[in-house]
ModelCIF file with pLDDT and N, C-alpha, C, O atoms, coordinates in Angstrom:
data_MODEL
#
_entry.id   MODEL 
#
_entity.id                         1 
_entity.type                       polymer 
_entity.pdbx_number_of_molecules   1 
#
_entity_poly.entity_id                      1 
_entity_poly.type                           'polypeptide(L)' 
_entity_poly.nstd_linkage                   no 
_entity_poly.nstd_monomer                   no 
_entity_poly.pdbx_seq_one_letter_code       SGSFFRLNAMGWYRQGPGKQRELVAQITSGGSTNYADSVKGRFTISR 
_entity_poly.pdbx_seq_one_letter_code_can   SGSFFRLNAMGWYRQGPGKQRELVAQITSGGSTNYADSVKGRFTISR 
_entity_poly.pdbx_strand_id                 A 
#
loop_
_entity_poly_seq.entity_id 
_entity_poly_seq.num 
_entity_poly_seq.mon_id 
_entity_poly_seq.hetero 
1 1  SER n 
1 2  GLY n 
1 3  SER n 
1 4  PHE n 
1 5  PHE n 
1 6  ARG n 
1 7  LEU n 
1 8  ASN n 
1 9  ALA n 
1 10 MET n 
1 11 GLY n 
1 12 TRP n 
1 13 TYR n 
1 14 ARG n 
1 15 GLN n 
1 16 GLY n 
1 17 PRO n 
1 18 GLY n 
1 19 LYS n 
1 20 GLN n 
1 21 ARG n 
1 22 GLU n 
1 23 LEU n 
1 24 VAL n 
1 25 ALA n 
1 26 GLN n 
1 27 ILE n 
1 28 THR n 
1 29 SER n 
1 30 GLY n 
1 31 GLY n 
1 32 SER n 
1 33 THR n 
1 34 ASN n 
1 35 TYR n 
1 36 ALA n 
1 37 ASP n 
1 38 SER n 
1 39 VAL n 
1 40 LYS n 
1 41 GLY n 
1 42 ARG n 
1 43 PHE n 
1 44 THR n 
1 45 ILE n 
1 46 SER n 
1 47 ARG n 
#
_struct_asym.id          A 
_struct_asym.entity_id   1 
#
loop_
_ma_qa_metric.id 
_ma_qa_metric.mode 
_ma_qa_metric.name 
_ma_qa_metric.software_group_id 
_ma_qa_metric.type 
1 global pLDDT . pLDDT 
2 local  pLDDT . pLDDT 
#
_ma_qa_metric_global.metric_id      1 
_ma_qa_metric_global.metric_value   95.68 
_ma_qa_metric_global.model_id       1 
_ma_qa_metric_global.ordinal_id     1 
#
loop_
_ma_qa_metric_local.label_asym_id 
_ma_qa_metric_local.label_comp_id 
_ma_qa_metric_local.label_seq_id 
_ma_qa_metric_local.metric_id 
_ma_qa_metric_local.metric_value 
_ma_qa_metric_local.model_id 
_ma_qa_metric_local.ordinal_id 
A SER 1  2 95.00 1 1  
A GLY 2  2 92.00 1 2  
A SER 3  2 90.00 1 3  
A PHE 4  2 90.00 1 4  
A PHE 5  2 91.00 1 5  
A ARG 6  2 91.00 1 6  
A LEU 7  2 92.00 1 7  
A ASN 8  2 94.00 1 8  
A ALA 9  2 95.00 1 9  
A MET 10 2 96.00 1 10 
A GLY 11 2 97.00 1 11 
A TRP 12 2 98.00 1 12 
A TYR 13 2 98.00 1 13 
A ARG 14 2 98.00 1 14 
A GLN 15 2 98.00 1 15 
A GLY 16 2 96.00 1 16 
A PRO 17 2 91.00 1 17 
A GLY 18 2 91.00 1 18 
A LYS 19 2 94.00 1 19 
A GLN 20 2 96.00 1 20 
A ARG 21 2 97.00 1 21 
A GLU 22 2 97.00 1 22 
A LEU 23 2 97.00 1 23 
A VAL 24 2 98.00 1 24 
A ALA 25 2 98.00 1 25 
A GLN 26 2 97.00 1 26 
A ILE 27 2 97.00 1 27 
A THR 28 2 95.00 1 28 
A SER 29 2 91.00 1 29 
A GLY 30 2 92.00 1 30 
A GLY 31 2 94.00 1 31 
A SER 32 2 96.00 1 32 
A THR 33 2 98.00 1 33 
A ASN 34 2 98.00 1 34 
A TYR 35 2 98.00 1 35 
A ALA 36 2 98.00 1 36 
A ASP 37 2 98.00 1 37 
A SER 38 2 97.00 1 38 
A VAL 39 2 98.00 1 39 
A LYS 40 2 98.00 1 40 
A GLY 41 2 97.00 1 41 
A ARG 42 2 98.00 1 42 
A PHE 43 2 98.00 1 43 
A THR 44 2 98.00 1 44 
A ILE 45 2 98.00 1 45 
A SER 46 2 97.00 1 46 
A ARG 47 2 96.00 1 47 
#
loop_
_atom_site.group_PDB 
_atom_site.id 
_atom_site.type_symbol 
_atom_site.label_atom_id 
_atom_site.label_alt_id 
_atom_site.label_comp_id 
_atom_site.label_asym_id 
_atom_site.label_entity_id 
_atom_site.label_seq_id 
_atom_site.pdbx_PDB_ins_code 
_atom_site.Cartn_x 
_atom_site.Cartn_y 
_atom_site.Cartn_z 
_atom_site.occupancy 
_atom_site.B_iso_or_equiv 
_atom_site.pdbx_formal_charge 
_atom_site.auth_seq_id 
_atom_site.auth_comp_id 
_atom_site.auth_asym_id 
_atom_site.auth_atom_id 
_atom_site.pdbx_PDB_model_num 
ATOM 1   N N  . SER A 1 1  ? 17.695 -16.766 11.436  1.00 95.00 ? 1  SER A N  1 
ATOM 2   C CA . SER A 1 1  ? 18.514 -17.154 12.568  1.00 95.00 ? 1  SER A CA 1 
ATOM 3   C C  . SER A 1 1  ? 19.504 -16.041 12.869  1.00 95.00 ? 1  SER A C  1 
ATOM 4   O O  . SER A 1 1  ? 19.687 -15.119 12.075  1.00 95.00 ? 1  SER A O  1 
ATOM 5   N N  . GLY A 1 2  ? 20.131 -16.144 14.013  1.00 92.00 ? 2  GLY A N  1 
ATOM 6   C CA . GLY A 1 2  ? 21.107 -15.152 14.406  1.00 92.00 ? 2  GLY A CA 1 
ATOM 7   C C  . GLY A 1 2  ? 20.722 -14.482 15.701  1.00 92.00 ? 2  GLY A C  1 
ATOM 8   O O  . GLY A 1 2  ? 19.997 -15.043 16.523  1.00 92.00 ? 2  GLY A O  1 
ATOM 9   N N  . SER A 1 3  ? 21.216 -13.280 15.867  1.00 90.00 ? 3  SER A N  1 
ATOM 10  C CA . SER A 1 3  ? 20.987 -12.528 17.088  1.00 90.00 ? 3  SER A CA 1 
ATOM 11  C C  . SER A 1 3  ? 20.102 -11.332 16.787  1.00 90.00 ? 3  SER A C  1 
ATOM 12  O O  . SER A 1 3  ? 20.481 -10.447 16.020  1.00 90.00 ? 3  SER A O  1 
ATOM 13  N N  . PHE A 1 4  ? 18.944 -11.307 17.381  1.00 90.00 ? 4  PHE A N  1 
ATOM 14  C CA . PHE A 1 4  ? 18.025 -10.194 17.209  1.00 90.00 ? 4  PHE A CA 1 
ATOM 15  C C  . PHE A 1 4  ? 17.039 -10.192 18.356  1.00 90.00 ? 4  PHE A C  1 
ATOM 16  O O  . PHE A 1 4  ? 16.796 -11.211 19.003  1.00 90.00 ? 4  PHE A O  1 
ATOM 17  N N  . PHE A 1 5  ? 16.488 -9.039  18.585  1.00 91.00 ? 5  PHE A N  1 
ATOM 18  C CA . PHE A 1 5  ? 15.503 -8.899  19.637  1.00 91.00 ? 5  PHE A CA 1 
ATOM 19  C C  . PHE A 1 5  ? 14.100 -9.227  19.152  1.00 91.00 ? 5  PHE A C  1 
ATOM 20  O O  . PHE A 1 5  ? 13.325 -9.889  19.842  1.00 91.00 ? 5  PHE A O  1 
ATOM 21  N N  . ARG A 1 6  ? 13.793 -8.758  17.968  1.00 91.00 ? 6  ARG A N  1 
ATOM 22  C CA . ARG A 1 6  ? 12.451 -8.945  17.440  1.00 91.00 ? 6  ARG A CA 1 
ATOM 23  C C  . ARG A 1 6  ? 12.468 -8.922  15.920  1.00 91.00 ? 6  ARG A C  1 
ATOM 24  O O  . ARG A 1 6  ? 13.124 -8.080  15.306  1.00 91.00 ? 6  ARG A O  1 
ATOM 25  N N  . LEU A 1 7  ? 11.752 -9.838  15.331  1.00 92.00 ? 7  LEU A N  1 
ATOM 26  C CA . LEU A 1 7  ? 11.489 -9.786  13.907  1.00 92.00 ? 7  LEU A CA 1 
ATOM 27  C C  . LEU A 1 7  ? 10.206 -9.013  13.668  1.00 92.00 ? 7  LEU A C  1 
ATOM 28  O O  . LEU A 1 7  ? 9.171  -9.305  14.267  1.00 92.00 ? 7  LEU A O  1 
ATOM 29  N N  . ASN A 1 8  ? 10.279 -8.045  12.805  1.00 94.00 ? 8  ASN A N  1 
ATOM 30  C CA . ASN A 1 8  ? 9.102  -7.254  12.484  1.00 94.00 ? 8  ASN A CA 1 
ATOM 31  C C  . ASN A 1 8  ? 8.493  -7.782  11.183  1.00 94.00 ? 8  ASN A C  1 
ATOM 32  O O  . ASN A 1 8  ? 8.227  -8.979  11.069  1.00 94.00 ? 8  ASN A O  1 
ATOM 33  N N  . ALA A 1 9  ? 8.275  -6.923  10.226  1.00 95.00 ? 9  ALA A N  1 
ATOM 34  C CA . ALA A 1 9  ? 7.691  -7.393  8.979   1.00 95.00 ? 9  ALA A CA 1 
ATOM 35  C C  . ALA A 1 9  ? 8.647  -8.329  8.248   1.00 95.00 ? 9  ALA A C  1 
ATOM 36  O O  . ALA A 1 9  ? 9.862  -8.130  8.262   1.00 95.00 ? 9  ALA A O  1 
ATOM 37  N N  . MET A 1 10 ? 8.093  -9.333  7.623   1.00 96.00 ? 10 MET A N  1 
ATOM 38  C CA . MET A 1 10 ? 8.844  -10.241 6.780   1.00 96.00 ? 10 MET A CA 1 
ATOM 39  C C  . MET A 1 10 ? 8.152  -10.320 5.434   1.00 96.00 ? 10 MET A C  1 
ATOM 40  O O  . MET A 1 10 ? 6.939  -10.131 5.334   1.00 96.00 ? 10 MET A O  1 
ATOM 41  N N  . GLY A 1 11 ? 8.918  -10.595 4.417   1.00 97.00 ? 11 GLY A N  1 
ATOM 42  C CA . GLY A 1 11 ? 8.308  -10.639 3.107   1.00 97.00 ? 11 GLY A CA 1 
ATOM 43  C C  . GLY A 1 11 ? 9.138  -11.355 2.078   1.00 97.00 ? 11 GLY A C  1 
ATOM 44  O O  . GLY A 1 11 ? 10.244 -11.828 2.341   1.00 97.00 ? 11 GLY A O  1 
ATOM 45  N N  . TRP A 1 12 ? 8.569  -11.417 0.905   1.00 98.00 ? 12 TRP A N  1 
ATOM 46  C CA . TRP A 1 12 ? 9.216  -12.012 -0.245  1.00 98.00 ? 12 TRP A CA 1 
ATOM 47  C C  . TRP A 1 12 ? 9.256  -11.002 -1.378  1.00 98.00 ? 12 TRP A C  1 
ATOM 48  O O  . TRP A 1 12 ? 8.255  -10.357 -1.690  1.00 98.00 ? 12 TRP A O  1 
ATOM 49  N N  . TYR A 1 13 ? 10.405 -10.877 -1.979  1.00 98.00 ? 13 TYR A N  1 
ATOM 50  C CA . TYR A 1 13 ? 10.601 -10.071 -3.165  1.00 98.00 ? 13 TYR A CA 1 
ATOM 51  C C  . TYR A 1 13 ? 11.082 -10.970 -4.285  1.00 98.00 ? 13 TYR A C  1 
ATOM 52  O O  . TYR A 1 13 ? 11.515 -12.099 -4.050  1.00 98.00 ? 13 TYR A O  1 
ATOM 53  N N  . ARG A 1 14 ? 11.005 -10.468 -5.484  1.00 98.00 ? 14 ARG A N  1 
ATOM 54  C CA . ARG A 1 14 ? 11.521 -11.236 -6.602  1.00 98.00 ? 14 ARG A CA 1 
ATOM 55  C C  . ARG A 1 14 ? 12.110 -10.301 -7.644  1.00 98.00 ? 14 ARG A C  1 
ATOM 56  O O  . ARG A 1 14 ? 11.750 -9.128  -7.738  1.00 98.00 ? 14 ARG A O  1 
ATOM 57  N N  . GLN A 1 15 ? 13.014 -10.852 -8.413  1.00 98.00 ? 15 GLN A N  1 
ATOM 58  C CA . GLN A 1 15 ? 13.620 -10.117 -9.500  1.00 98.00 ? 15 GLN A CA 1 
ATOM 59  C C  . GLN A 1 15 ? 13.691 -11.036 -10.713 1.00 98.00 ? 15 GLN A C  1 
ATOM 60  O O  . GLN A 1 15 ? 14.467 -11.991 -10.740 1.00 98.00 ? 15 GLN A O  1 
ATOM 61  N N  . GLY A 1 16 ? 12.886 -10.739 -11.696 1.00 96.00 ? 16 GLY A N  1 
ATOM 62  C CA . GLY A 1 16 ? 12.860 -11.525 -12.913 1.00 96.00 ? 16 GLY A CA 1 
ATOM 63  C C  . GLY A 1 16 ? 13.861 -11.019 -13.923 1.00 96.00 ? 16 GLY A C  1 
ATOM 64  O O  . GLY A 1 16 ? 14.468 -9.965  -13.737 1.00 96.00 ? 16 GLY A O  1 
ATOM 65  N N  . PRO A 1 17 ? 14.034 -11.776 -15.002 1.00 91.00 ? 17 PRO A N  1 
ATOM 66  C CA . PRO A 1 17 ? 14.981 -11.371 -16.049 1.00 91.00 ? 17 PRO A CA 1 
ATOM 67  C C  . PRO A 1 17 ? 14.633 -9.998  -16.614 1.00 91.00 ? 17 PRO A C  1 
ATOM 68  O O  . PRO A 1 17 ? 13.516 -9.772  -17.079 1.00 91.00 ? 17 PRO A O  1 
ATOM 69  N N  . GLY A 1 18 ? 15.577 -9.106  -16.570 1.00 91.00 ? 18 GLY A N  1 
ATOM 70  C CA . GLY A 1 18 ? 15.366 -7.777  -17.097 1.00 91.00 ? 18 GLY A CA 1 
ATOM 71  C C  . GLY A 1 18 ? 14.420 -6.920  -16.288 1.00 91.00 ? 18 GLY A C  1 
ATOM 72  O O  . GLY A 1 18 ? 13.977 -5.872  -16.756 1.00 91.00 ? 18 GLY A O  1 
ATOM 73  N N  . LYS A 1 19 ? 14.109 -7.346  -15.095 1.00 94.00 ? 19 LYS A N  1 
ATOM 74  C CA . LYS A 1 19 ? 13.174 -6.624  -14.245 1.00 94.00 ? 19 LYS A CA 1 
ATOM 75  C C  . LYS A 1 19 ? 13.867 -6.110  -12.992 1.00 94.00 ? 19 LYS A C  1 
ATOM 76  O O  . LYS A 1 19 ? 14.908 -6.616  -12.574 1.00 94.00 ? 19 LYS A O  1 
ATOM 77  N N  . GLN A 1 20 ? 13.257 -5.095  -12.414 1.00 96.00 ? 20 GLN A N  1 
ATOM 78  C CA . GLN A 1 20 ? 13.714 -4.629  -11.118 1.00 96.00 ? 20 GLN A CA 1 
ATOM 79  C C  . GLN A 1 20 ? 13.086 -5.462  -10.015 1.00 96.00 ? 20 GLN A C  1 
ATOM 80  O O  . GLN A 1 20 ? 12.051 -6.102  -10.205 1.00 96.00 ? 20 GLN A O  1 
ATOM 81  N N  . ARG A 1 21 ? 13.723 -5.440  -8.880  1.00 97.00 ? 21 ARG A N  1 
ATOM 82  C CA . ARG A 1 21 ? 13.181 -6.148  -7.736  1.00 97.00 ? 21 ARG A CA 1 
ATOM 83  C C  . ARG A 1 21 ? 11.818 -5.594  -7.361  1.00 97.00 ? 21 ARG A C  1 
ATOM 84  O O  . ARG A 1 21 ? 11.621 -4.379  -7.348  1.00 97.00 ? 21 ARG A O  1 
ATOM 85  N N  . GLU A 1 22 ? 10.895 -6.460  -7.062  1.00 97.00 ? 22 GLU A N  1 
ATOM 86  C CA . GLU A 1 22 ? 9.566  -6.035  -6.689  1.00 97.00 ? 22 GLU A CA 1 
ATOM 87  C C  . GLU A 1 22 ? 9.074  -6.817  -5.486  1.00 97.00 ? 22 GLU A C  1 
ATOM 88  O O  . GLU A 1 22 ? 9.461  -7.964  -5.259  1.00 97.00 ? 22 GLU A O  1 
ATOM 89  N N  . LEU A 1 23 ? 8.230  -6.178  -4.742  1.00 97.00 ? 23 LEU A N  1 
ATOM 90  C CA . LEU A 1 23 ? 7.599  -6.842  -3.607  1.00 97.00 ? 23 LEU A CA 1 
ATOM 91  C C  . LEU A 1 23 ? 6.572  -7.842  -4.108  1.00 97.00 ? 23 LEU A C  1 
ATOM 92  O O  . LEU A 1 23 ? 5.737  -7.523  -4.954  1.00 97.00 ? 23 LEU A O  1 
ATOM 93  N N  . VAL A 1 24 ? 6.641  -9.038  -3.584  1.00 98.00 ? 24 VAL A N  1 
ATOM 94  C CA . VAL A 1 24 ? 5.648  -10.064 -3.888  1.00 98.00 ? 24 VAL A CA 1 
ATOM 95  C C  . VAL A 1 24 ? 4.597  -10.120 -2.791  1.00 98.00 ? 24 VAL A C  1 
ATOM 96  O O  . VAL A 1 24 ? 3.398  -10.045 -3.059  1.00 98.00 ? 24 VAL A O  1 
ATOM 97  N N  . ALA A 1 25 ? 5.053  -10.250 -1.575  1.00 98.00 ? 25 ALA A N  1 
ATOM 98  C CA . ALA A 1 25 ? 4.147  -10.336 -0.441  1.00 98.00 ? 25 ALA A CA 1 
ATOM 99  C C  . ALA A 1 25 ? 4.905  -10.017 0.829   1.00 98.00 ? 25 ALA A C  1 
ATOM 100 O O  . ALA A 1 25 ? 6.106  -10.269 0.928   1.00 98.00 ? 25 ALA A O  1 
ATOM 101 N N  . GLN A 1 26 ? 4.213  -9.472  1.781   1.00 97.00 ? 26 GLN A N  1 
ATOM 102 C CA . GLN A 1 26 ? 4.807  -9.238  3.083   1.00 97.00 ? 26 GLN A CA 1 
ATOM 103 C C  . GLN A 1 26 ? 3.775  -9.477  4.165   1.00 97.00 ? 26 GLN A C  1 
ATOM 104 O O  . GLN A 1 26 ? 2.568  -9.431  3.927   1.00 97.00 ? 26 GLN A O  1 
ATOM 105 N N  . ILE A 1 27 ? 4.277  -9.730  5.346   1.00 97.00 ? 27 ILE A N  1 
ATOM 106 C CA . ILE A 1 27 ? 3.408  -9.995  6.478   1.00 97.00 ? 27 ILE A CA 1 
ATOM 107 C C  . ILE A 1 27 ? 4.014  -9.362  7.711   1.00 97.00 ? 27 ILE A C  1 
ATOM 108 O O  . ILE A 1 27 ? 5.213  -9.491  7.960   1.00 97.00 ? 27 ILE A O  1 
ATOM 109 N N  . THR A 1 28 ? 3.193  -8.685  8.476   1.00 95.00 ? 28 THR A N  1 
ATOM 110 C CA . THR A 1 28 ? 3.657  -8.044  9.689   1.00 95.00 ? 28 THR A CA 1 
ATOM 111 C C  . THR A 1 28 ? 3.675  -9.037  10.835  1.00 95.00 ? 28 THR A C  1 
ATOM 112 O O  . THR A 1 28 ? 3.178  -10.157 10.722  1.00 95.00 ? 28 THR A O  1 
ATOM 113 N N  . SER A 1 29 ? 4.250  -8.605  11.923  1.00 91.00 ? 29 SER A N  1 
ATOM 114 C CA . SER A 1 29 ? 4.269  -9.454  13.105  1.00 91.00 ? 29 SER A CA 1 
ATOM 115 C C  . SER A 1 29 ? 2.866  -9.729  13.620  1.00 91.00 ? 29 SER A C  1 
ATOM 116 O O  . SER A 1 29 ? 2.631  -10.733 14.291  1.00 91.00 ? 29 SER A O  1 
ATOM 117 N N  . GLY A 1 30 ? 1.937  -8.842  13.307  1.00 92.00 ? 30 GLY A N  1 
ATOM 118 C CA . GLY A 1 30 ? 0.562  -9.027  13.707  1.00 92.00 ? 30 GLY A CA 1 
ATOM 119 C C  . GLY A 1 30 ? -0.273 -9.831  12.737  1.00 92.00 ? 30 GLY A C  1 
ATOM 120 O O  . GLY A 1 30 ? -1.443 -10.106 13.002  1.00 92.00 ? 30 GLY A O  1 
ATOM 121 N N  . GLY A 1 31 ? 0.317  -10.211 11.615  1.00 94.00 ? 31 GLY A N  1 
ATOM 122 C CA . GLY A 1 31 ? -0.377 -11.058 10.671  1.00 94.00 ? 31 GLY A CA 1 
ATOM 123 C C  . GLY A 1 31 ? -1.021 -10.344 9.497   1.00 94.00 ? 31 GLY A C  1 
ATOM 124 O O  . GLY A 1 31 ? -1.634 -10.993 8.649   1.00 94.00 ? 31 GLY A O  1 
ATOM 125 N N  . SER A 1 32 ? -0.900 -9.034  9.425   1.00 96.00 ? 32 SER A N  1 
ATOM 126 C CA . SER A 1 32 ? -1.439 -8.316  8.278   1.00 96.00 ? 32 SER A CA 1 
ATOM 127 C C  . SER A 1 32 ? -0.603 -8.611  7.045   1.00 96.00 ? 32 SER A C  1 
ATOM 128 O O  . SER A 1 32 ? 0.622  -8.699  7.124   1.00 96.00 ? 32 SER A O  1 
ATOM 129 N N  . THR A 1 33 ? -1.258 -8.763  5.920   1.00 98.00 ? 33 THR A N  1 
ATOM 130 C CA . THR A 1 33 ? -0.566 -9.135  4.693   1.00 98.00 ? 33 THR A CA 1 
ATOM 131 C C  . THR A 1 33 ? -0.770 -8.108  3.598   1.00 98.00 ? 33 THR A C  1 
ATOM 132 O O  . THR A 1 33 ? -1.740 -7.351  3.590   1.00 98.00 ? 33 THR A O  1 
ATOM 133 N N  . ASN A 1 34 ? 0.170  -8.108  2.680   1.00 98.00 ? 34 ASN A N  1 
ATOM 134 C CA . ASN A 1 34 ? 0.122  -7.238  1.525   1.00 98.00 ? 34 ASN A CA 1 
ATOM 135 C C  . ASN A 1 34 ? 0.696  -8.002  0.346   1.00 98.00 ? 34 ASN A C  1 
ATOM 136 O O  . ASN A 1 34 ? 1.759  -8.611  0.456   1.00 98.00 ? 34 ASN A O  1 
ATOM 137 N N  . TYR A 1 35 ? 0.000  -7.974  -0.781  1.00 98.00 ? 35 TYR A N  1 
ATOM 138 C CA . TYR A 1 35 ? 0.415  -8.711  -1.956  1.00 98.00 ? 35 TYR A CA 1 
ATOM 139 C C  . TYR A 1 35 ? 0.506  -7.809  -3.172  1.00 98.00 ? 35 TYR A C  1 
ATOM 140 O O  . TYR A 1 35 ? -0.237 -6.837  -3.310  1.00 98.00 ? 35 TYR A O  1 
ATOM 141 N N  . ALA A 1 36 ? 1.423  -8.152  -4.036  1.00 98.00 ? 36 ALA A N  1 
ATOM 142 C CA . ALA A 1 36 ? 1.440  -7.515  -5.340  1.00 98.00 ? 36 ALA A CA 1 
ATOM 143 C C  . ALA A 1 36 ? 0.178  -7.907  -6.096  1.00 98.00 ? 36 ALA A C  1 
ATOM 144 O O  . ALA A 1 36 ? -0.313 -9.028  -5.962  1.00 98.00 ? 36 ALA A O  1 
ATOM 145 N N  . ASP A 1 37 ? -0.338 -6.986  -6.884  1.00 98.00 ? 37 ASP A N  1 
ATOM 146 C CA . ASP A 1 37 ? -1.560 -7.267  -7.626  1.00 98.00 ? 37 ASP A CA 1 
ATOM 147 C C  . ASP A 1 37 ? -1.423 -8.499  -8.517  1.00 98.00 ? 37 ASP A C  1 
ATOM 148 O O  . ASP A 1 37 ? -2.387 -9.237  -8.719  1.00 98.00 ? 37 ASP A O  1 
ATOM 149 N N  . SER A 1 38 ? -0.244 -8.711  -9.038  1.00 97.00 ? 38 SER A N  1 
ATOM 150 C CA . SER A 1 38 ? -0.029 -9.800  -9.971  1.00 97.00 ? 38 SER A CA 1 
ATOM 151 C C  . SER A 1 38 ? -0.119 -11.181 -9.336  1.00 97.00 ? 38 SER A C  1 
ATOM 152 O O  . SER A 1 38 ? -0.256 -12.178 -10.045 1.00 97.00 ? 38 SER A O  1 
ATOM 153 N N  . VAL A 1 39 ? -0.046 -11.253 -8.020  1.00 98.00 ? 39 VAL A N  1 
ATOM 154 C CA . VAL A 1 39 ? -0.068 -12.556 -7.357  1.00 98.00 ? 39 VAL A CA 1 
ATOM 155 C C  . VAL A 1 39 ? -1.258 -12.741 -6.439  1.00 98.00 ? 39 VAL A C  1 
ATOM 156 O O  . VAL A 1 39 ? -1.425 -13.810 -5.853  1.00 98.00 ? 39 VAL A O  1 
ATOM 157 N N  . LYS A 1 40 ? -2.075 -11.733 -6.307  1.00 98.00 ? 40 LYS A N  1 
ATOM 158 C CA . LYS A 1 40 ? -3.242 -11.844 -5.441  1.00 98.00 ? 40 LYS A CA 1 
ATOM 159 C C  . LYS A 1 40 ? -4.140 -12.990 -5.890  1.00 98.00 ? 40 LYS A C  1 
ATOM 160 O O  . LYS A 1 40 ? -4.430 -13.150 -7.075  1.00 98.00 ? 40 LYS A O  1 
ATOM 161 N N  . GLY A 1 41 ? -4.562 -13.767 -4.929  1.00 97.00 ? 41 GLY A N  1 
ATOM 162 C CA . GLY A 1 41 ? -5.408 -14.908 -5.224  1.00 97.00 ? 41 GLY A CA 1 
ATOM 163 C C  . GLY A 1 41 ? -4.655 -16.160 -5.577  1.00 97.00 ? 41 GLY A C  1 
ATOM 164 O O  . GLY A 1 41 ? -5.240 -17.242 -5.620  1.00 97.00 ? 41 GLY A O  1 
ATOM 165 N N  . ARG A 1 42 ? -3.365 -16.039 -5.834  1.00 98.00 ? 42 ARG A N  1 
ATOM 166 C CA . ARG A 1 42 ? -2.550 -17.194 -6.190  1.00 98.00 ? 42 ARG A CA 1 
ATOM 167 C C  . ARG A 1 42 ? -1.499 -17.522 -5.141  1.00 98.00 ? 42 ARG A C  1 
ATOM 168 O O  . ARG A 1 42 ? -1.197 -18.691 -4.902  1.00 98.00 ? 42 ARG A O  1 
ATOM 169 N N  . PHE A 1 43 ? -0.948 -16.498 -4.522  1.00 98.00 ? 43 PHE A N  1 
ATOM 170 C CA . PHE A 1 43 ? 0.106  -16.685 -3.531  1.00 98.00 ? 43 PHE A CA 1 
ATOM 171 C C  . PHE A 1 43 ? -0.434 -16.395 -2.137  1.00 98.00 ? 43 PHE A C  1 
ATOM 172 O O  . PHE A 1 43 ? -1.319 -15.558 -1.960  1.00 98.00 ? 43 PHE A O  1 
ATOM 173 N N  . THR A 1 44 ? 0.106  -17.091 -1.168  1.00 98.00 ? 44 THR A N  1 
ATOM 174 C CA . THR A 1 44 ? -0.259 -16.873 0.216   1.00 98.00 ? 44 THR A CA 1 
ATOM 175 C C  . THR A 1 44 ? 0.997  -16.841 1.072   1.00 98.00 ? 44 THR A C  1 
ATOM 176 O O  . THR A 1 44 ? 1.815  -17.760 1.033   1.00 98.00 ? 44 THR A O  1 
ATOM 177 N N  . ILE A 1 45 ? 1.139  -15.789 1.830   1.00 98.00 ? 45 ILE A N  1 
ATOM 178 C CA . ILE A 1 45 ? 2.276  -15.672 2.723   1.00 98.00 ? 45 ILE A CA 1 
ATOM 179 C C  . ILE A 1 45 ? 1.827  -15.996 4.144   1.00 98.00 ? 45 ILE A C  1 
ATOM 180 O O  . ILE A 1 45 ? 0.716  -15.657 4.549   1.00 98.00 ? 45 ILE A O  1 
ATOM 181 N N  . SER A 1 46 ? 2.691  -16.644 4.879   1.00 97.00 ? 46 SER A N  1 
ATOM 182 C CA . SER A 1 46 ? 2.397  -16.987 6.259   1.00 97.00 ? 46 SER A CA 1 
ATOM 183 C C  . SER A 1 46 ? 3.687  -16.985 7.058   1.00 97.00 ? 46 SER A C  1 
ATOM 184 O O  . SER A 1 46 ? 4.779  -17.044 6.492   1.00 97.00 ? 46 SER A O  1 
ATOM 185 N N  . ARG A 1 47 ? 3.559  -16.919 8.349   1.00 96.00 ? 47 ARG A N  1 
ATOM 186 C CA . ARG A 1 47 ? 4.739  -16.941 9.196   1.00 96.00 ? 47 ARG A CA 1 
ATOM 187 C C  . ARG A 1 47 ? 4.459  -17.709 10.468  1.00 96.00 ? 47 ARG A C  1 
ATOM 188 O O  . ARG A 1 47 ? 5.340  -17.839 11.317  1.00 96.00 ? 47 ARG A O  1 
#
């Protein structure tokens, strides 16, 4: 929410205990997706 002209890519990151932040999944405005290898086949991102 808020004031913006366009939302572009959106995604999810995570940071576990003692870990650095990592990309989990992202999705472009056109619907292309990218997943971390560790979650492929288990997680699904949508917008």
